[in-house]
């Protein structure tokens, strides 16, 4: 998988694969994202576990429709336990060889790969926009009174026992 990840990285970001120092010139968010991908590409072999997410071929009219909500829940649960986890499909460049390596039956489809393990650094806070900035009524940009009434900081204090 390591080799396929490296091939995927070189095709996904050929400029940064060939000249990783150029990542440092990017804006912070883009720089952090690409450095994270680069780190995973270079260190995939150190991941304690890689979860292969599968589904039966032809079983649903929307392949992956119920699978990806489960992936999101798994990722949120991992974070709550202090684990790092992300969808990382660059090794899927291996195609049929990857399916053979993992001995995946022919009636299954590989949707994504989830490397999981302890992060090299601590998680920072998750920043969210206020509800009124992202939820509208009927049409994009049309204010929804209910959303306008929600606190900008959300209801986290209630969930963590700090509010009424």
N, C-alpha and C. Protein backbone atom coordinates (compact mmCIF):
# COMPACT_ATOMS: atom_id res chain seq x y z
N UNK A 1 0.82 -1.20 0.00
CA UNK A 1 0.00 0.00 0.00
C UNK A 1 0.86 1.26 0.00
N UNK A 2 1.99 1.17 0.66
CA UNK A 2 2.90 2.32 0.74
C UNK A 2 3.29 2.79 -0.67
N UNK A 3 3.70 1.87 -1.51
CA UNK A 3 4.11 2.22 -2.87
C UNK A 3 2.97 2.82 -3.68
N UNK A 4 1.78 2.25 -3.54
CA UNK A 4 0.63 2.78 -4.27
C UNK A 4 0.28 4.18 -3.78
N UNK A 5 0.43 4.41 -2.46
CA UNK A 5 0.18 5.75 -1.92
C UNK A 5 1.16 6.76 -2.53
N UNK A 6 2.41 6.36 -2.65
CA UNK A 6 3.42 7.25 -3.23
C UNK A 6 3.12 7.55 -4.70
N UNK A 7 2.69 6.54 -5.44
CA UNK A 7 2.31 6.76 -6.84
C UNK A 7 1.10 7.70 -6.91
N UNK A 8 0.13 7.47 -6.06
CA UNK A 8 -1.06 8.32 -6.02
C UNK A 8 -0.71 9.77 -5.70
N UNK A 9 0.19 9.96 -4.73
CA UNK A 9 0.63 11.32 -4.35
C UNK A 9 1.33 11.99 -5.51
N UNK A 10 2.19 11.27 -6.20
CA UNK A 10 2.93 11.88 -7.31
C UNK A 10 2.01 12.27 -8.47
N UNK A 11 0.88 11.59 -8.59
CA UNK A 11 -0.09 11.93 -9.65
C UNK A 11 -1.08 12.99 -9.18
N UNK A 12 -1.44 12.94 -7.90
CA UNK A 12 -2.41 13.88 -7.33
C UNK A 12 -1.78 15.27 -7.19
N UNK A 13 -0.55 15.32 -6.73
CA UNK A 13 0.15 16.58 -6.51
C UNK A 13 1.57 16.48 -7.08
N UNK A 14 1.72 16.38 -8.39
CA UNK A 14 3.05 16.16 -8.96
C UNK A 14 4.06 17.25 -8.59
N UNK A 15 3.62 18.50 -8.57
CA UNK A 15 4.56 19.59 -8.25
C UNK A 15 5.08 19.47 -6.82
N UNK A 16 4.17 19.20 -5.87
CA UNK A 16 4.58 19.12 -4.47
C UNK A 16 5.27 17.80 -4.15
N UNK A 17 4.96 16.77 -4.91
CA UNK A 17 5.65 15.50 -4.75
C UNK A 17 7.12 15.65 -5.15
N UNK A 18 7.34 16.35 -6.25
CA UNK A 18 8.71 16.56 -6.74
C UNK A 18 9.45 17.63 -5.95
N UNK A 19 8.73 18.63 -5.44
CA UNK A 19 9.35 19.75 -4.71
C UNK A 19 8.54 20.04 -3.44
N UNK A 20 8.66 19.17 -2.42
CA UNK A 20 7.84 19.35 -1.21
C UNK A 20 8.08 20.67 -0.49
N UNK A 21 9.22 21.29 -0.70
CA UNK A 21 9.50 22.58 -0.05
C UNK A 21 8.54 23.67 -0.52
N UNK A 22 7.94 23.51 -1.70
CA UNK A 22 6.99 24.50 -2.23
C UNK A 22 5.71 24.56 -1.40
N UNK A 23 5.43 23.50 -0.65
CA UNK A 23 4.24 23.50 0.22
C UNK A 23 4.34 24.63 1.24
N UNK A 24 5.55 24.94 1.69
CA UNK A 24 5.73 25.98 2.70
C UNK A 24 5.29 27.36 2.24
N UNK A 25 5.17 27.58 0.94
CA UNK A 25 4.76 28.88 0.40
C UNK A 25 3.25 29.05 0.33
N UNK A 26 2.51 28.02 0.65
CA UNK A 26 1.05 28.06 0.54
C UNK A 26 0.41 28.69 1.77
N UNK A 27 -0.84 29.15 1.65
CA UNK A 27 -1.57 29.64 2.83
C UNK A 27 -1.68 28.53 3.87
N UNK A 28 -1.82 28.91 5.12
CA UNK A 28 -1.76 27.98 6.25
C UNK A 28 -2.67 26.76 6.10
N UNK A 29 -3.93 26.97 5.81
CA UNK A 29 -4.86 25.84 5.73
C UNK A 29 -4.45 24.86 4.64
N UNK A 30 -4.12 25.37 3.48
CA UNK A 30 -3.70 24.51 2.38
C UNK A 30 -2.38 23.81 2.71
N UNK A 31 -1.47 24.55 3.33
CA UNK A 31 -0.17 23.99 3.72
C UNK A 31 -0.35 22.84 4.71
N UNK A 32 -1.17 23.04 5.72
CA UNK A 32 -1.39 22.00 6.73
C UNK A 32 -2.04 20.76 6.12
N UNK A 33 -3.00 20.97 5.24
CA UNK A 33 -3.67 19.85 4.59
C UNK A 33 -2.69 19.03 3.77
N UNK A 34 -1.91 19.71 2.93
CA UNK A 34 -0.98 18.98 2.07
C UNK A 34 0.15 18.33 2.88
N UNK A 35 0.61 18.97 3.93
CA UNK A 35 1.65 18.36 4.78
C UNK A 35 1.09 17.10 5.46
N UNK A 36 -0.18 17.14 5.84
CA UNK A 36 -0.79 15.96 6.47
C UNK A 36 -0.85 14.80 5.49
N UNK A 37 -1.26 15.09 4.26
CA UNK A 37 -1.32 14.05 3.24
C UNK A 37 0.08 13.52 2.96
N UNK A 38 1.03 14.43 2.80
CA UNK A 38 2.41 14.03 2.54
C UNK A 38 2.94 13.13 3.65
N UNK A 39 2.67 13.51 4.90
CA UNK A 39 3.13 12.71 6.04
C UNK A 39 2.52 11.31 5.99
N UNK A 40 1.24 11.23 5.70
CA UNK A 40 0.58 9.93 5.64
C UNK A 40 1.14 9.10 4.48
N UNK A 41 1.38 9.74 3.34
CA UNK A 41 1.97 9.03 2.20
C UNK A 41 3.31 8.43 2.60
N UNK A 42 4.13 9.20 3.28
CA UNK A 42 5.49 8.76 3.63
C UNK A 42 5.53 7.79 4.80
N UNK A 43 4.48 7.77 5.61
CA UNK A 43 4.50 6.97 6.83
C UNK A 43 3.33 5.99 6.95
N UNK A 44 2.67 5.71 5.85
CA UNK A 44 1.53 4.81 5.90
C UNK A 44 1.90 3.47 6.52
N UNK A 45 3.10 3.02 6.26
CA UNK A 45 3.55 1.73 6.79
C UNK A 45 3.58 1.68 8.31
N UNK A 46 3.54 2.85 8.96
CA UNK A 46 3.55 2.91 10.43
C UNK A 46 2.15 2.92 11.04
N UNK A 47 1.12 3.04 10.23
CA UNK A 47 -0.25 3.06 10.77
C UNK A 47 -0.53 1.71 11.43
N UNK A 48 -0.98 1.73 12.70
CA UNK A 48 -1.26 0.46 13.38
C UNK A 48 -2.38 -0.34 12.74
N UNK A 49 -3.32 0.35 12.10
CA UNK A 49 -4.43 -0.35 11.45
C UNK A 49 -4.90 0.46 10.25
N UNK A 50 -5.33 -0.24 9.22
CA UNK A 50 -5.96 0.39 8.07
C UNK A 50 -7.27 -0.36 7.85
N UNK A 51 -8.36 0.35 7.99
CA UNK A 51 -9.67 -0.26 7.84
C UNK A 51 -10.09 -0.13 6.37
N UNK A 52 -10.41 -1.25 5.76
CA UNK A 52 -10.93 -1.27 4.40
C UNK A 52 -12.45 -1.28 4.49
N UNK A 53 -13.08 -0.27 3.94
CA UNK A 53 -14.53 -0.15 3.99
C UNK A 53 -15.12 -0.74 2.71
N UNK A 54 -15.94 -1.76 2.87
CA UNK A 54 -16.48 -2.52 1.75
C UNK A 54 -18.00 -2.49 1.73
N UNK A 55 -18.54 -2.80 0.57
CA UNK A 55 -19.97 -2.99 0.41
C UNK A 55 -20.21 -4.00 -0.69
N UNK A 56 -21.34 -4.65 -0.66
CA UNK A 56 -21.67 -5.63 -1.68
C UNK A 56 -21.97 -4.93 -3.00
N UNK A 57 -21.40 -5.43 -4.08
CA UNK A 57 -21.64 -4.86 -5.41
C UNK A 57 -23.10 -5.06 -5.80
N UNK A 58 -23.69 -4.02 -6.37
CA UNK A 58 -25.03 -4.12 -6.92
C UNK A 58 -26.15 -4.28 -5.92
N UNK A 59 -25.88 -4.13 -4.64
CA UNK A 59 -26.92 -4.34 -3.64
C UNK A 59 -27.83 -3.13 -3.48
N UNK A 60 -27.27 -1.94 -3.68
CA UNK A 60 -28.04 -0.71 -3.48
C UNK A 60 -28.03 0.13 -4.75
N UNK A 61 -29.07 0.94 -4.89
CA UNK A 61 -29.12 1.84 -6.05
C UNK A 61 -28.17 3.02 -5.88
N UNK A 62 -27.75 3.29 -4.64
CA UNK A 62 -26.78 4.35 -4.38
C UNK A 62 -25.60 3.74 -3.62
N UNK A 63 -24.64 3.16 -4.34
CA UNK A 63 -23.51 2.51 -3.68
C UNK A 63 -22.81 3.46 -2.70
N UNK A 64 -22.59 2.97 -1.51
CA UNK A 64 -21.92 3.77 -0.49
C UNK A 64 -22.85 4.69 0.27
N UNK A 65 -24.12 4.73 -0.12
CA UNK A 65 -25.07 5.66 0.50
C UNK A 65 -25.21 5.49 2.00
N UNK A 66 -25.21 4.27 2.49
CA UNK A 66 -25.29 4.06 3.93
C UNK A 66 -23.90 3.79 4.52
N UNK A 67 -22.93 3.54 3.65
CA UNK A 67 -21.58 3.23 4.12
C UNK A 67 -20.88 4.48 4.64
N UNK A 68 -20.98 5.58 3.90
CA UNK A 68 -20.22 6.76 4.29
C UNK A 68 -20.73 7.44 5.57
N UNK A 69 -22.03 7.40 5.89
CA UNK A 69 -22.42 7.86 7.22
C UNK A 69 -21.78 7.01 8.32
N UNK A 70 -21.66 5.70 8.08
CA UNK A 70 -20.99 4.84 9.06
C UNK A 70 -19.51 5.20 9.18
N UNK A 71 -18.88 5.52 8.05
CA UNK A 71 -17.47 5.96 8.07
C UNK A 71 -17.33 7.22 8.90
N UNK A 72 -18.24 8.17 8.69
CA UNK A 72 -18.17 9.41 9.46
C UNK A 72 -18.32 9.13 10.96
N UNK A 73 -19.26 8.27 11.32
CA UNK A 73 -19.44 7.93 12.74
C UNK A 73 -18.19 7.26 13.31
N UNK A 74 -17.58 6.38 12.52
CA UNK A 74 -16.35 5.72 12.97
C UNK A 74 -15.25 6.77 13.20
N UNK A 75 -15.13 7.71 12.28
CA UNK A 75 -14.09 8.74 12.41
C UNK A 75 -14.34 9.64 13.62
N UNK A 76 -15.60 10.00 13.86
CA UNK A 76 -15.92 10.81 15.03
C UNK A 76 -15.64 10.04 16.33
N UNK A 77 -15.96 8.77 16.34
CA UNK A 77 -15.69 7.93 17.51
C UNK A 77 -14.20 7.80 17.76
N UNK A 78 -13.43 7.64 16.68
CA UNK A 78 -11.98 7.55 16.82
C UNK A 78 -11.43 8.83 17.45
N UNK A 79 -11.88 9.95 16.96
CA UNK A 79 -11.40 11.23 17.51
C UNK A 79 -11.76 11.36 18.99
N UNK A 80 -12.97 10.95 19.34
CA UNK A 80 -13.39 11.02 20.75
C UNK A 80 -12.50 10.16 21.64
N UNK A 81 -11.91 9.11 21.08
CA UNK A 81 -11.02 8.23 21.82
C UNK A 81 -9.55 8.67 21.72
N UNK A 82 -9.31 9.80 21.05
CA UNK A 82 -7.95 10.31 20.93
C UNK A 82 -7.17 9.70 19.78
N UNK A 83 -7.87 9.06 18.86
CA UNK A 83 -7.22 8.44 17.71
C UNK A 83 -7.35 9.33 16.48
N UNK A 84 -6.36 9.26 15.61
CA UNK A 84 -6.43 9.95 14.34
C UNK A 84 -6.95 8.99 13.28
N UNK A 85 -7.75 9.49 12.37
CA UNK A 85 -8.36 8.66 11.34
C UNK A 85 -8.74 9.56 10.18
N UNK A 86 -8.53 9.09 8.97
CA UNK A 86 -8.96 9.88 7.82
C UNK A 86 -9.22 8.96 6.64
N UNK A 87 -10.05 9.44 5.72
CA UNK A 87 -10.25 8.72 4.47
C UNK A 87 -8.98 8.95 3.65
N UNK A 88 -8.36 7.88 3.21
CA UNK A 88 -7.09 7.98 2.49
C UNK A 88 -7.10 6.98 1.35
N UNK A 89 -7.46 7.46 0.17
CA UNK A 89 -7.66 6.55 -0.95
C UNK A 89 -6.50 6.48 -1.93
N UNK A 90 -5.41 7.16 -1.68
CA UNK A 90 -4.29 7.10 -2.61
C UNK A 90 -3.79 5.66 -2.84
N UNK A 91 -3.77 4.78 -1.82
CA UNK A 91 -3.34 3.40 -2.09
C UNK A 91 -4.29 2.63 -3.00
N UNK A 92 -5.49 3.14 -3.22
CA UNK A 92 -6.43 2.43 -4.09
C UNK A 92 -5.97 2.46 -5.54
N UNK A 93 -4.88 3.15 -5.81
CA UNK A 93 -4.25 3.10 -7.14
C UNK A 93 -3.82 1.68 -7.46
N UNK A 94 -3.69 0.86 -6.43
CA UNK A 94 -3.30 -0.53 -6.63
C UNK A 94 -4.34 -1.36 -7.36
N UNK A 95 -5.58 -0.86 -7.42
CA UNK A 95 -6.64 -1.52 -8.18
C UNK A 95 -6.84 -2.98 -7.81
N UNK A 96 -6.85 -3.83 -8.82
CA UNK A 96 -7.09 -5.26 -8.60
C UNK A 96 -6.01 -5.89 -7.72
N UNK A 97 -4.78 -5.39 -7.82
CA UNK A 97 -3.71 -5.94 -6.97
C UNK A 97 -4.01 -5.69 -5.49
N UNK A 98 -4.58 -4.52 -5.18
CA UNK A 98 -4.95 -4.21 -3.80
C UNK A 98 -6.06 -5.14 -3.34
N UNK A 99 -7.05 -5.34 -4.20
CA UNK A 99 -8.16 -6.25 -3.85
C UNK A 99 -7.64 -7.66 -3.60
N UNK A 100 -6.68 -8.09 -4.40
CA UNK A 100 -6.08 -9.42 -4.22
C UNK A 100 -5.25 -9.46 -2.93
N UNK A 101 -4.48 -8.39 -2.68
CA UNK A 101 -3.67 -8.33 -1.47
C UNK A 101 -4.53 -8.49 -0.21
N UNK A 102 -5.69 -7.84 -0.23
CA UNK A 102 -6.59 -7.88 0.93
C UNK A 102 -7.55 -9.07 0.87
N UNK A 103 -7.47 -9.86 -0.19
CA UNK A 103 -8.33 -11.03 -0.38
C UNK A 103 -9.81 -10.66 -0.31
N UNK A 104 -10.15 -9.54 -0.97
CA UNK A 104 -11.53 -9.06 -0.98
C UNK A 104 -12.32 -9.89 -2.00
N UNK A 105 -13.43 -10.47 -1.58
CA UNK A 105 -14.24 -11.28 -2.50
C UNK A 105 -14.74 -10.44 -3.69
N UNK A 106 -14.94 -11.09 -4.82
CA UNK A 106 -15.35 -10.39 -6.04
C UNK A 106 -16.71 -9.72 -5.92
N UNK A 107 -17.56 -10.18 -5.02
CA UNK A 107 -18.88 -9.58 -4.89
C UNK A 107 -18.87 -8.34 -3.98
N UNK A 108 -17.68 -7.89 -3.58
CA UNK A 108 -17.55 -6.70 -2.74
C UNK A 108 -16.87 -5.58 -3.50
N UNK A 109 -17.20 -4.37 -3.11
CA UNK A 109 -16.60 -3.16 -3.67
C UNK A 109 -15.86 -2.45 -2.55
N UNK A 110 -14.66 -1.97 -2.83
CA UNK A 110 -13.88 -1.20 -1.86
C UNK A 110 -14.24 0.26 -2.01
N UNK A 111 -14.80 0.85 -0.95
CA UNK A 111 -15.21 2.25 -1.00
C UNK A 111 -14.10 3.20 -0.57
N UNK A 112 -13.42 2.84 0.50
CA UNK A 112 -12.34 3.72 0.97
C UNK A 112 -11.46 2.97 1.98
N UNK A 113 -10.33 3.61 2.27
CA UNK A 113 -9.39 3.10 3.27
C UNK A 113 -9.29 4.12 4.40
N UNK A 114 -9.21 3.62 5.63
CA UNK A 114 -9.14 4.48 6.81
C UNK A 114 -7.94 4.10 7.67
N UNK A 115 -6.77 4.74 7.45
CA UNK A 115 -5.68 4.51 8.40
C UNK A 115 -6.09 5.08 9.75
N UNK A 116 -5.77 4.36 10.81
CA UNK A 116 -6.16 4.80 12.15
C UNK A 116 -5.01 4.55 13.11
N UNK A 117 -4.79 5.51 14.00
CA UNK A 117 -3.72 5.37 14.97
C UNK A 117 -3.64 6.60 15.84
N UNK A 118 -2.63 6.64 16.68
CA UNK A 118 -2.46 7.80 17.55
C UNK A 118 -1.77 8.92 16.78
N UNK A 119 -2.32 10.14 16.86
CA UNK A 119 -1.72 11.26 16.11
C UNK A 119 -0.36 11.64 16.68
N UNK A 120 0.45 12.28 15.85
CA UNK A 120 1.78 12.72 16.29
C UNK A 120 1.70 13.99 17.13
N UNK A 121 0.56 14.65 17.11
CA UNK A 121 0.38 15.89 17.86
C UNK A 121 -1.02 15.87 18.48
N UNK A 122 -1.29 16.82 19.36
CA UNK A 122 -2.62 16.89 19.97
C UNK A 122 -3.60 17.52 18.99
N UNK A 123 -4.86 17.09 19.11
CA UNK A 123 -5.91 17.71 18.30
C UNK A 123 -6.14 19.12 18.79
N UNK A 124 -6.40 20.02 17.88
CA UNK A 124 -6.81 21.37 18.25
C UNK A 124 -8.32 21.42 18.35
N UNK A 125 -8.84 22.55 18.76
CA UNK A 125 -10.30 22.66 18.84
C UNK A 125 -10.92 22.61 17.44
N UNK A 126 -12.13 22.11 17.40
CA UNK A 126 -12.87 22.07 16.14
C UNK A 126 -13.62 23.39 16.05
N UNK A 127 -13.34 24.16 15.03
CA UNK A 127 -14.01 25.44 14.84
C UNK A 127 -15.20 25.27 13.91
N UNK A 128 -16.32 25.78 14.33
CA UNK A 128 -17.53 25.71 13.52
C UNK A 128 -18.10 27.11 13.34
N UNK A 129 -18.66 27.36 12.18
CA UNK A 129 -19.35 28.62 11.95
C UNK A 129 -20.67 28.59 12.69
N UNK A 130 -21.18 29.74 13.09
CA UNK A 130 -22.50 29.76 13.73
C UNK A 130 -23.56 29.21 12.77
N UNK A 131 -24.60 28.60 13.32
CA UNK A 131 -25.66 27.99 12.52
C UNK A 131 -26.24 29.01 11.54
N UNK A 132 -26.44 30.25 12.00
CA UNK A 132 -27.07 31.24 11.12
C UNK A 132 -26.20 31.59 9.91
N UNK A 133 -24.94 31.24 9.95
CA UNK A 133 -24.05 31.51 8.82
C UNK A 133 -24.08 30.40 7.76
N UNK A 134 -24.68 29.26 8.08
CA UNK A 134 -24.65 28.14 7.14
C UNK A 134 -26.02 27.50 6.87
N UNK A 135 -27.06 27.93 7.58
CA UNK A 135 -28.38 27.35 7.40
C UNK A 135 -29.34 28.46 6.95
N UNK A 136 -30.09 28.15 5.90
CA UNK A 136 -31.01 29.14 5.35
C UNK A 136 -32.39 28.53 5.19
N UNK A 137 -33.36 29.39 4.92
CA UNK A 137 -34.74 28.94 4.74
C UNK A 137 -35.13 29.07 3.28
N UNK A 138 -35.62 27.98 2.72
CA UNK A 138 -36.12 27.94 1.35
C UNK A 138 -35.05 28.14 0.29
N UNK A 139 -34.22 29.20 0.42
CA UNK A 139 -33.22 29.52 -0.59
C UNK A 139 -31.92 29.92 0.07
N UNK A 140 -30.85 29.67 -0.65
CA UNK A 140 -29.52 30.06 -0.15
C UNK A 140 -29.51 31.55 0.14
N UNK A 141 -29.04 31.91 1.33
CA UNK A 141 -28.93 33.32 1.72
C UNK A 141 -30.17 33.89 2.37
N UNK A 142 -31.29 33.15 2.35
CA UNK A 142 -32.52 33.64 2.97
C UNK A 142 -32.53 33.27 4.45
N UNK A 143 -32.58 34.27 5.29
CA UNK A 143 -32.51 34.07 6.74
C UNK A 143 -33.61 33.16 7.24
N UNK A 144 -33.24 32.27 8.16
CA UNK A 144 -34.20 31.42 8.85
C UNK A 144 -34.25 31.90 10.30
N UNK A 145 -35.37 32.39 10.76
CA UNK A 145 -35.45 32.94 12.12
C UNK A 145 -34.95 31.99 13.21
N UNK A 146 -35.27 30.69 13.08
CA UNK A 146 -34.81 29.72 14.07
C UNK A 146 -33.28 29.71 14.16
N UNK A 147 -32.62 29.72 13.01
CA UNK A 147 -31.15 29.71 13.00
C UNK A 147 -30.60 31.00 13.58
N UNK A 148 -31.26 32.10 13.31
CA UNK A 148 -30.82 33.41 13.84
C UNK A 148 -30.84 33.42 15.37
N UNK A 149 -31.73 32.67 15.97
CA UNK A 149 -31.87 32.64 17.43
C UNK A 149 -30.84 31.76 18.13
N UNK A 150 -30.10 30.94 17.39
CA UNK A 150 -29.13 30.04 18.00
C UNK A 150 -27.88 30.79 18.44
N UNK A 151 -27.30 30.40 19.58
CA UNK A 151 -26.09 31.09 20.04
C UNK A 151 -24.92 30.85 19.09
N UNK A 152 -24.10 31.88 18.87
CA UNK A 152 -22.96 31.77 17.96
C UNK A 152 -22.01 30.66 18.37
N UNK A 153 -21.85 30.42 19.66
CA UNK A 153 -20.93 29.39 20.14
C UNK A 153 -21.56 28.00 20.17
N UNK A 154 -22.82 27.91 19.74
CA UNK A 154 -23.51 26.63 19.72
C UNK A 154 -23.95 26.21 21.11
N UNK A 155 -24.23 24.92 21.27
CA UNK A 155 -24.77 24.40 22.53
C UNK A 155 -23.75 23.49 23.24
N UNK A 156 -22.50 23.62 22.91
CA UNK A 156 -21.47 22.75 23.49
C UNK A 156 -21.44 22.81 25.00
N UNK A 157 -21.62 23.99 25.58
CA UNK A 157 -21.57 24.11 27.04
C UNK A 157 -22.64 23.21 27.69
N UNK A 158 -23.78 23.09 27.05
CA UNK A 158 -24.85 22.23 27.57
C UNK A 158 -24.42 20.77 27.56
N UNK A 159 -23.79 20.36 26.46
CA UNK A 159 -23.39 18.96 26.32
C UNK A 159 -22.30 18.60 27.28
N UNK A 160 -21.42 19.54 27.58
CA UNK A 160 -20.30 19.26 28.47
C UNK A 160 -20.62 19.57 29.93
N UNK A 161 -21.89 19.86 30.23
CA UNK A 161 -22.31 20.06 31.59
C UNK A 161 -22.07 21.48 32.11
N UNK A 162 -21.76 22.41 31.23
CA UNK A 162 -21.49 23.77 31.67
C UNK A 162 -22.67 24.71 31.55
N UNK A 163 -23.81 24.23 31.10
CA UNK A 163 -24.96 25.12 30.90
C UNK A 163 -26.24 24.49 31.39
N UNK A 164 -27.30 25.27 31.32
CA UNK A 164 -28.60 24.79 31.81
C UNK A 164 -29.24 23.82 30.86
